[in-house]
C-alpha atoms as a PDB file:
ATOM      1  CA  MET A   1     150.683 135.431  86.206  1.00  0.00           C
ATOM      2  CA  THR A   2     148.523 135.229  83.669  1.00  0.00           C
ATOM      3  CA  GLU A   3     150.416 133.209  81.296  1.00  0.00           C
ATOM      4  CA  PHE A   4     151.913 131.187  84.422  1.00  0.00           C
ATOM      5  CA  TRP A   5     148.301 130.022  85.586  1.00  0.00           C
ATOM      6  CA  GLU A   6     147.083 129.842  81.945  1.00  0.00           C
ATOM      7  CA  ALA A   7     149.648 127.441  81.153  1.00  0.00           C
ATOM      8  CA  SER A   8     149.685 125.580  84.196  1.00  0.00           C
ATOM      9  CA  PHE A   9     146.094 124.566  83.640  1.00  0.00           C
ATOM     10  CA  ILE A  10     146.840 123.592  79.913  1.00  0.00           C
ATOM     11  CA  HIS A  11     149.325 121.394  80.800  1.00  0.00           C
ATOM     12  CA  HIS A  12     148.390 119.987  84.497  1.00  0.00           C
ATOM     13  CA  GLN A  13     144.368 120.269  83.410  1.00  0.00           C
ATOM     14  CA  THR A  14     142.826 119.489  86.850  1.00  0.00           C
ATOM     15  CA  MET A  15     145.944 118.645  88.779  1.00  0.00           C
ATOM     16  CA  TRP A  16     144.229 119.313  92.334  1.00  0.00           C
ATOM     17  CA  GLY A  17     141.921 116.469  91.390  1.00  0.00           C
ATOM     18  CA  PHE A  18     138.093 117.149  92.751  1.00  0.00           C
ATOM     19  CA  GLU A  19     137.807 116.384  96.122  1.00  0.00           C
ATOM     20  CA  PRO A  20     137.862 119.907  98.260  1.00  0.00           C
ATOM     21  CA  ALA A  21     140.557 121.175 100.536  1.00  0.00           C
ATOM     22  CA  ASP A  22     140.369 120.532 104.604  1.00  0.00           C
ATOM     23  CA  SER A  23     140.237 124.505 105.124  1.00  0.00           C
ATOM     24  CA  ALA A  24     137.401 124.856 102.235  1.00  0.00           C
ATOM     25  CA  VAL A  25     135.037 121.554 103.992  1.00  0.00           C
ATOM     26  CA  TRP A  26     135.963 123.868 107.266  1.00  0.00           C
ATOM     27  CA  THR A  27     134.610 127.505 105.910  1.00  0.00           C
ATOM     28  CA  LYS A  28     131.798 125.464 104.987  1.00  0.00           C
ATOM     29  CA  ASP A  29     130.748 124.362 108.246  1.00  0.00           C
ATOM     30  CA  LEU A  30     131.866 128.066 109.447  1.00  0.00           C
ATOM     31  CA  PHE A  31     129.350 129.436 107.089  1.00  0.00           C
ATOM     32  CA  LEU A  32     126.532 127.429 107.641  1.00  0.00           C
ATOM     33  CA  GLU A  33     126.750 127.927 110.941  1.00  0.00           C
ATOM     34  CA  LYS A  34     126.406 131.647 110.492  1.00  0.00           C
ATOM     35  CA  GLN A  35     123.587 131.409 107.668  1.00  0.00           C
ATOM     36  CA  VAL A  36     125.875 132.290 104.667  1.00  0.00           C
ATOM     37  CA  LYS A  37     123.643 132.221 102.175  1.00  0.00           C
ATOM     38  CA  ASP A  38     125.760 133.542  99.163  1.00  0.00           C
ATOM     39  CA  ILE A  39     129.473 133.620  98.711  1.00  0.00           C
ATOM     40  CA  LEU A  40     132.485 135.110  96.335  1.00  0.00           C
ATOM     41  CA  ILE A  41     135.267 132.715  95.680  1.00  0.00           C
ATOM     42  CA  PRO A  42     138.082 134.443  94.184  1.00  0.00           C
ATOM     43  CA  GLY A  43     140.900 132.177  92.471  1.00  0.00           C
ATOM     44  CA  ILE A  44     138.123 129.375  92.190  1.00  0.00           C
ATOM     45  CA  GLY A  45     139.879 127.431  89.481  1.00  0.00           C
ATOM     46  CA  TYR A  46     138.517 124.682  87.934  1.00  0.00           C
ATOM     47  CA  GLY A  47     135.836 124.776  91.067  1.00  0.00           C
ATOM     48  CA  ARG A  48     136.966 121.487  93.157  1.00  0.00           C
ATOM     49  CA  ASN A  49     136.531 123.799  96.186  1.00  0.00           C
ATOM     50  CA  ALA A  50     133.241 125.487  94.937  1.00  0.00           C
ATOM     51  CA  ARG A  51     131.382 122.387  94.883  1.00  0.00           C
ATOM     52  CA  VAL A  52     131.268 121.701  98.572  1.00  0.00           C
ATOM     53  CA  PHE A  53     129.696 125.284  99.346  1.00  0.00           C
ATOM     54  CA  ILE A  54     127.330 124.363  96.313  1.00  0.00           C
ATOM     55  CA  ASP A  55     126.314 121.335  97.442  1.00  0.00           C
ATOM     56  CA  SER A  56     125.538 123.163 101.251  1.00  0.00           C
ATOM     57  CA  GLY A  57     123.052 124.935  99.081  1.00  0.00           C
ATOM     58  CA  ILE A  58     125.104 128.052  99.091  1.00  0.00           C
ATOM     59  CA  GLN A  59     125.311 130.244  96.281  1.00  0.00           C
ATOM     60  CA  VAL A  60     128.834 130.542  94.765  1.00  0.00           C
ATOM     61  CA  THR A  61     130.153 133.402  92.346  1.00  0.00           C
ATOM     62  CA  GLY A  62     133.614 133.085  91.392  1.00  0.00           C
ATOM     63  CA  ILE A  63     136.669 135.186  89.814  1.00  0.00           C
ATOM     64  CA  GLU A  64     139.587 133.433  87.654  1.00  0.00           C
ATOM     65  CA  ILE A  65     142.296 134.490  86.212  1.00  0.00           C
ATOM     66  CA  SER A  66     142.778 131.452  83.984  1.00  0.00           C
ATOM     67  CA  GLN A  67     139.963 130.663  80.722  1.00  0.00           C
ATOM     68  CA  THR A  68     141.033 127.317  80.427  1.00  0.00           C
ATOM     69  CA  ALA A  69     140.444 126.588  84.318  1.00  0.00           C
ATOM     70  CA  ILE A  70     136.830 128.227  83.653  1.00  0.00           C
ATOM     71  CA  ASP A  71     136.370 126.004  80.878  1.00  0.00           C
ATOM     72  CA  LEU A  72     137.725 122.831  82.632  1.00  0.00           C
ATOM     73  CA  ALA A  73     134.956 123.714  85.230  1.00  0.00           C
ATOM     74  CA  ARG A  74     132.400 123.868  82.804  1.00  0.00           C
ATOM     75  CA  GLN A  75     132.883 120.612  81.394  1.00  0.00           C
ATOM     76  CA  SER A  76     133.003 119.513  84.653  1.00  0.00           C
ATOM     77  CA  GLY A  77     129.270 120.835  85.217  1.00  0.00           C
ATOM     78  CA  LEU A  78     129.919 123.698  87.153  1.00  0.00           C
ATOM     79  CA  GLU A  79     126.925 126.463  86.352  1.00  0.00           C
ATOM     80  CA  ILE A  80     128.160 129.338  87.968  1.00  0.00           C
ATOM     81  CA  GLU A  81     128.830 133.110  87.498  1.00  0.00           C
ATOM     82  CA  ILE A  82     132.670 132.671  86.872  1.00  0.00           C
ATOM     83  CA  TYR A  83     134.040 136.060  86.087  1.00  0.00           C
ATOM     84  CA  GLN A  84     137.422 135.592  84.022  1.00  0.00           C
ATOM     85  CA  GLY A  85     140.280 137.973  85.069  1.00  0.00           C
ATOM     86  CA  SER A  86     142.462 138.705  87.291  1.00  0.00           C
ATOM     87  CA  VAL A  87     141.600 139.469  91.454  1.00  0.00           C
ATOM     88  CA  SER A  88     144.003 143.119  90.905  1.00  0.00           C
ATOM     89  CA  GLU A  89     140.901 144.055  88.565  1.00  0.00           C
ATOM     90  CA  MET A  90     138.445 143.425  91.543  1.00  0.00           C
ATOM     91  CA  PRO A  91     135.549 144.495  91.688  1.00  0.00           C
ATOM     92  CA  PHE A  92     133.793 142.703  88.891  1.00  0.00           C
ATOM     93  CA  ASP A  93     130.243 143.481  89.957  1.00  0.00           C
ATOM     94  CA  ASN A  94     129.099 145.774  92.395  1.00  0.00           C
ATOM     95  CA  LYS A  95     127.084 142.536  94.524  1.00  0.00           C
ATOM     96  CA  LEU A  96     128.005 142.635  98.518  1.00  0.00           C
ATOM     97  CA  TYR A  97     128.076 138.746  99.667  1.00  0.00           C
ATOM     98  CA  ASP A  98     127.861 137.092 102.992  1.00  0.00           C
ATOM     99  CA  GLY A  99     131.082 135.478 102.687  1.00  0.00           C
ATOM    100  CA  ILE A 100     134.128 135.198 100.893  1.00  0.00           C
ATOM    101  CA  PHE A 101     136.582 132.092 100.253  1.00  0.00           C
ATOM    102  CA  SER A 102     140.127 132.381  99.403  1.00  0.00           C
ATOM    103  CA  TYR A 103     142.357 129.643  98.990  1.00  0.00           C
ATOM    104  CA  ALA A 104     146.271 129.949  98.561  1.00  0.00           C
ATOM    105  CA  LEU A 105     145.773 132.950  96.606  1.00  0.00           C
ATOM    106  CA  ILE A 106     146.625 135.824  97.978  1.00  0.00           C
ATOM    107  CA  HIS A 107     150.362 134.734  98.412  1.00  0.00           C
ATOM    108  CA  LEU A 108     150.947 134.976  95.015  1.00  0.00           C
ATOM    109  CA  LEU A 109     150.808 138.173  94.828  1.00  0.00           C
ATOM    110  CA  ASN A 110     153.171 141.446  95.605  1.00  0.00           C
ATOM    111  CA  PRO A 111     152.796 143.616  98.599  1.00  0.00           C
ATOM    112  CA  GLN A 112     150.565 145.982  96.896  1.00  0.00           C
ATOM    113  CA  GLU A 113     148.494 143.246  95.272  1.00  0.00           C
ATOM    114  CA  ARG A 114     147.823 141.699  98.128  1.00  0.00           C
ATOM    115  CA  GLN A 115     146.600 145.194 100.270  1.00  0.00           C
ATOM    116  CA  LYS A 116     144.220 146.237  97.298  1.00  0.00           C
ATOM    117  CA  PHE A 117     143.063 142.122  97.670  1.00  0.00           C
ATOM    118  CA  ILE A 118     142.240 142.556 100.882  1.00  0.00           C
ATOM    119  CA  GLN A 119     140.525 145.736 100.775  1.00  0.00           C
ATOM    120  CA  ASP A 120     138.748 144.619  98.090  1.00  0.00           C
ATOM    121  CA  CYS A 121     137.398 141.642  99.343  1.00  0.00           C
ATOM    122  CA  TYR A 122     136.228 143.396 102.560  1.00  0.00           C
ATOM    123  CA  ASN A 123     134.285 146.499 100.595  1.00  0.00           C
ATOM    124  CA  GLN A 124     131.874 143.196  98.673  1.00  0.00           C
ATOM    125  CA  LEU A 125     131.563 141.924 102.179  1.00  0.00           C
ATOM    126  CA  LYS A 126     128.090 142.693 103.691  1.00  0.00           C
ATOM    127  CA  PRO A 127     127.725 143.938 107.183  1.00  0.00           C
ATOM    128  CA  GLY A 128     127.909 140.894 109.647  1.00  0.00           C
ATOM    129  CA  GLY A 129     129.729 138.689 106.625  1.00  0.00           C
ATOM    130  CA  TYR A 130     132.881 136.732 107.195  1.00  0.00           C
ATOM    131  CA  MET A 131     136.070 136.365 105.101  1.00  0.00           C
ATOM    132  CA  ILE A 132     138.325 133.680 104.902  1.00  0.00           C
ATOM    133  CA  PHE A 133     141.421 133.154 103.539  1.00  0.00           C
ATOM    134  CA  THR A 134     144.439 130.155 103.492  1.00  0.00           C
ATOM    135  CA  ALA A 135     147.817 131.358 103.324  1.00  0.00           C
ATOM    136  CA  ILE A 136     150.856 129.359 103.092  1.00  0.00           C
ATOM    137  CA  ALA A 137     153.118 129.484 106.188  1.00  0.00           C
ATOM    138  CA  GLN A 138     156.906 129.889 106.957  1.00  0.00           C
ATOM    139  CA  ASN A 139     157.038 126.679 107.895  1.00  0.00           C
ATOM    140  CA  ALA A 140     156.450 125.157 104.456  1.00  0.00           C
ATOM    141  CA  PRO A 141     159.166 123.072 102.441  1.00  0.00           C
ATOM    142  CA  MET A 142     159.228 125.740 100.043  1.00  0.00           C
ATOM    143  CA  TYR A 143     160.692 128.271 102.407  1.00  0.00           C
ATOM    144  CA  GLY A 144     163.703 130.165 101.512  1.00  0.00           C
ATOM    145  CA  LYS A 145     163.945 128.868  98.469  1.00  0.00           C
ATOM    146  CA  GLY A 146     164.939 130.380  94.744  1.00  0.00           C
ATOM    147  CA  GLU A 147     165.528 134.213  94.746  1.00  0.00           C
ATOM    148  CA  GLN A 148     164.697 136.124  97.705  1.00  0.00           C
ATOM    149  CA  LEU A 149     162.303 139.376  96.153  1.00  0.00           C
ATOM    150  CA  ALA A 150     161.842 140.541  99.689  1.00  0.00           C
ATOM    151  CA  ASP A 151     161.430 139.868 103.707  1.00  0.00           C
ATOM    152  CA  HIS A 152     160.243 136.369 103.422  1.00  0.00           C
ATOM    153  CA  TYR A 153     158.968 137.086  99.836  1.00  0.00           C
ATOM    154  CA  TYR A 154     160.494 134.297  97.184  1.00  0.00           C
ATOM    155  CA  GLU A 155     160.153 133.312  93.399  1.00  0.00           C
ATOM    156  CA  ILE A 156     160.732 129.255  93.945  1.00  0.00           C
ATOM    157  CA  SER A 157     160.396 128.729  90.491  1.00  0.00           C
ATOM    158  CA  GLU A 158     160.348 130.868  87.060  1.00  0.00           C
ATOM    159  CA  GLY A 159     157.041 132.900  87.378  1.00  0.00           C
ATOM    160  CA  LEU A 160     156.023 131.549  90.681  1.00  0.00           C
ATOM    161  CA  ARG A 161     156.472 133.666  93.640  1.00  0.00           C
ATOM    162  CA  MET A 162     155.464 133.351  97.090  1.00  0.00           C
ATOM    163  CA  PHE A 163     154.813 135.548 100.212  1.00  0.00           C
ATOM    164  CA  PHE A 164     155.199 133.474 103.397  1.00  0.00           C
ATOM    165  CA  TYR A 165     153.179 134.678 106.478  1.00  0.00           C
ATOM    166  CA  ASP A 166     153.338 134.327 110.309  1.00  0.00           C
ATOM    167  CA  ALA A 167     151.848 135.801 112.702  1.00  0.00           C
ATOM    168  CA  GLU A 168     152.965 139.401 112.635  1.00  0.00           C
ATOM    169  CA  SER A 169     152.392 139.647 108.875  1.00  0.00           C
ATOM    170  CA  ILE A 170     148.852 138.158 109.261  1.00  0.00           C
ATOM    171  CA  GLN A 171     148.311 141.320 112.181  1.00  0.00           C
ATOM    172  CA  ARG A 172     150.328 143.630 109.692  1.00  0.00           C
ATOM    173  CA  GLU A 173     147.995 142.771 106.907  1.00  0.00           C
ATOM    174  CA  PHE A 174     144.639 141.874 107.843  1.00  0.00           C
ATOM    175  CA  GLY A 175     144.179 143.799 111.479  1.00  0.00           C
ATOM    176  CA  ASP A 176     142.008 146.695 109.926  1.00  0.00           C
ATOM    177  CA  TYR A 177     140.228 144.274 108.530  1.00  0.00           C
ATOM    178  CA  GLY A 178     138.210 142.553 111.134  1.00  0.00           C
ATOM    179  CA  LEU A 179     140.443 139.884 112.040  1.00  0.00           C
ATOM    180  CA  VAL A 180     139.083 137.310 113.967  1.00  0.00           C
ATOM    181  CA  GLN A 181     141.693 134.918 114.421  1.00  0.00           C
ATOM    182  CA  PHE A 182     144.023 132.565 112.603  1.00  0.00           C
ATOM    183  CA  SER A 183     145.556 129.276 112.643  1.00  0.00           C
ATOM    184  CA  GLU A 184     147.596 126.428 111.448  1.00  0.00           C
ATOM    185  CA  ILE A 185     145.808 124.215 109.033  1.00  0.00           C
ATOM    186  CA  ILE A 186     147.863 121.501 107.427  1.00  0.00           C
ATOM    187  CA  GLU A 187     146.445 120.553 103.970  1.00  0.00           C
ATOM    188  CA  PRO A 188     147.266 116.587 102.281  1.00  0.00           C
ATOM    189  CA  HIS A 189     147.905 116.277  98.766  1.00  0.00           C
ATOM    190  CA  LYS A 190     144.687 114.429  98.208  1.00  0.00           C
ATOM    191  CA  HIS A 191     145.484 113.578  94.600  1.00  0.00           C
ATOM    192  CA  ALA A 192     148.955 112.470  95.376  1.00  0.00           C
ATOM    193  CA  GLU A 193     149.571 110.135  97.840  1.00  0.00           C
ATOM    194  CA  GLY A 194     153.148 110.291  99.562  1.00  0.00           C
ATOM    195  CA  LYS A 195     153.690 113.853  98.979  1.00  0.00           C
ATOM    196  CA  ALA A 196     154.145 116.051 102.005  1.00  0.00           C
ATOM    197  CA  PRO A 197     151.461 118.106 103.238  1.00  0.00           C
ATOM    198  CA  PHE A 198     151.656 121.641 103.443  1.00  0.00           C
ATOM    199  CA  PRO A 199     151.165 123.969 105.950  1.00  0.00           C
ATOM    200  CA  PHE A 200     148.963 127.086 105.386  1.00  0.00           C
ATOM    201  CA  LEU A 201     147.857 129.890 108.093  1.00  0.00           C
ATOM    202  CA  LEU A 202     143.844 130.099 107.925  1.00  0.00           C
ATOM    203  CA  ILE A 203     142.548 133.514 108.627  1.00  0.00           C
ATOM    204  CA  GLN A 204     139.445 134.857 109.270  1.00  0.00           C
ATOM    205  CA  CYS A 205     137.776 138.095 109.773  1.00  0.00           C
ATOM    206  CA  HIS A 206     134.433 139.503 110.211  1.00  0.00           C
ATOM    207  CA  LYS A 207     133.021 142.940 109.191  1.00  0.00           C
ATOM    208  CA  GLU A 208     131.325 144.320 111.906  1.00  0.00           C
ATOM    209  CA  ARG A 209     127.272 145.618 111.216  1.00  0.00           C
END
């Protein structure tokens, strides 16, 4: 996984542009409504989704597997705490956060990694806190492409494996972690006009006080 993403950021650099994903904007609004002040973003990349939170006065800490992505974040002026490493190595600190936002990451993990990631995120959430995940849906155009590794889990290209979520798998994986609701959100490719948008599932969890 490290080699894949390091190579991707070396070759493609700021590959998604700097405009935040729609789900990041939606999450920012929720966090402001819930008075969330301090968040963790696992898989922060070069920070395109971090800025919408920072600009709204929310403190952000990141985790990123690619050192090149972190370097790109620094070059663009993002001076926040970013831990370099895989989310499978969480936790990187003993801090509890008001909120956690994870964009388009969880579906890249295998079943054991997904379970640990959800548990680790929940463990770092303050009582009363919120965590939001976006995960690729089964009606995405890549579904069923490449080698099938398990139910709804495919290696769609060399080194890139995806698990495609539906209502049943969301309930199964998030049901014990304060699952509140989930909904579909269509994410346009804002950096690439003409490219078909991807359907994601926006998953909201709340840790009871």
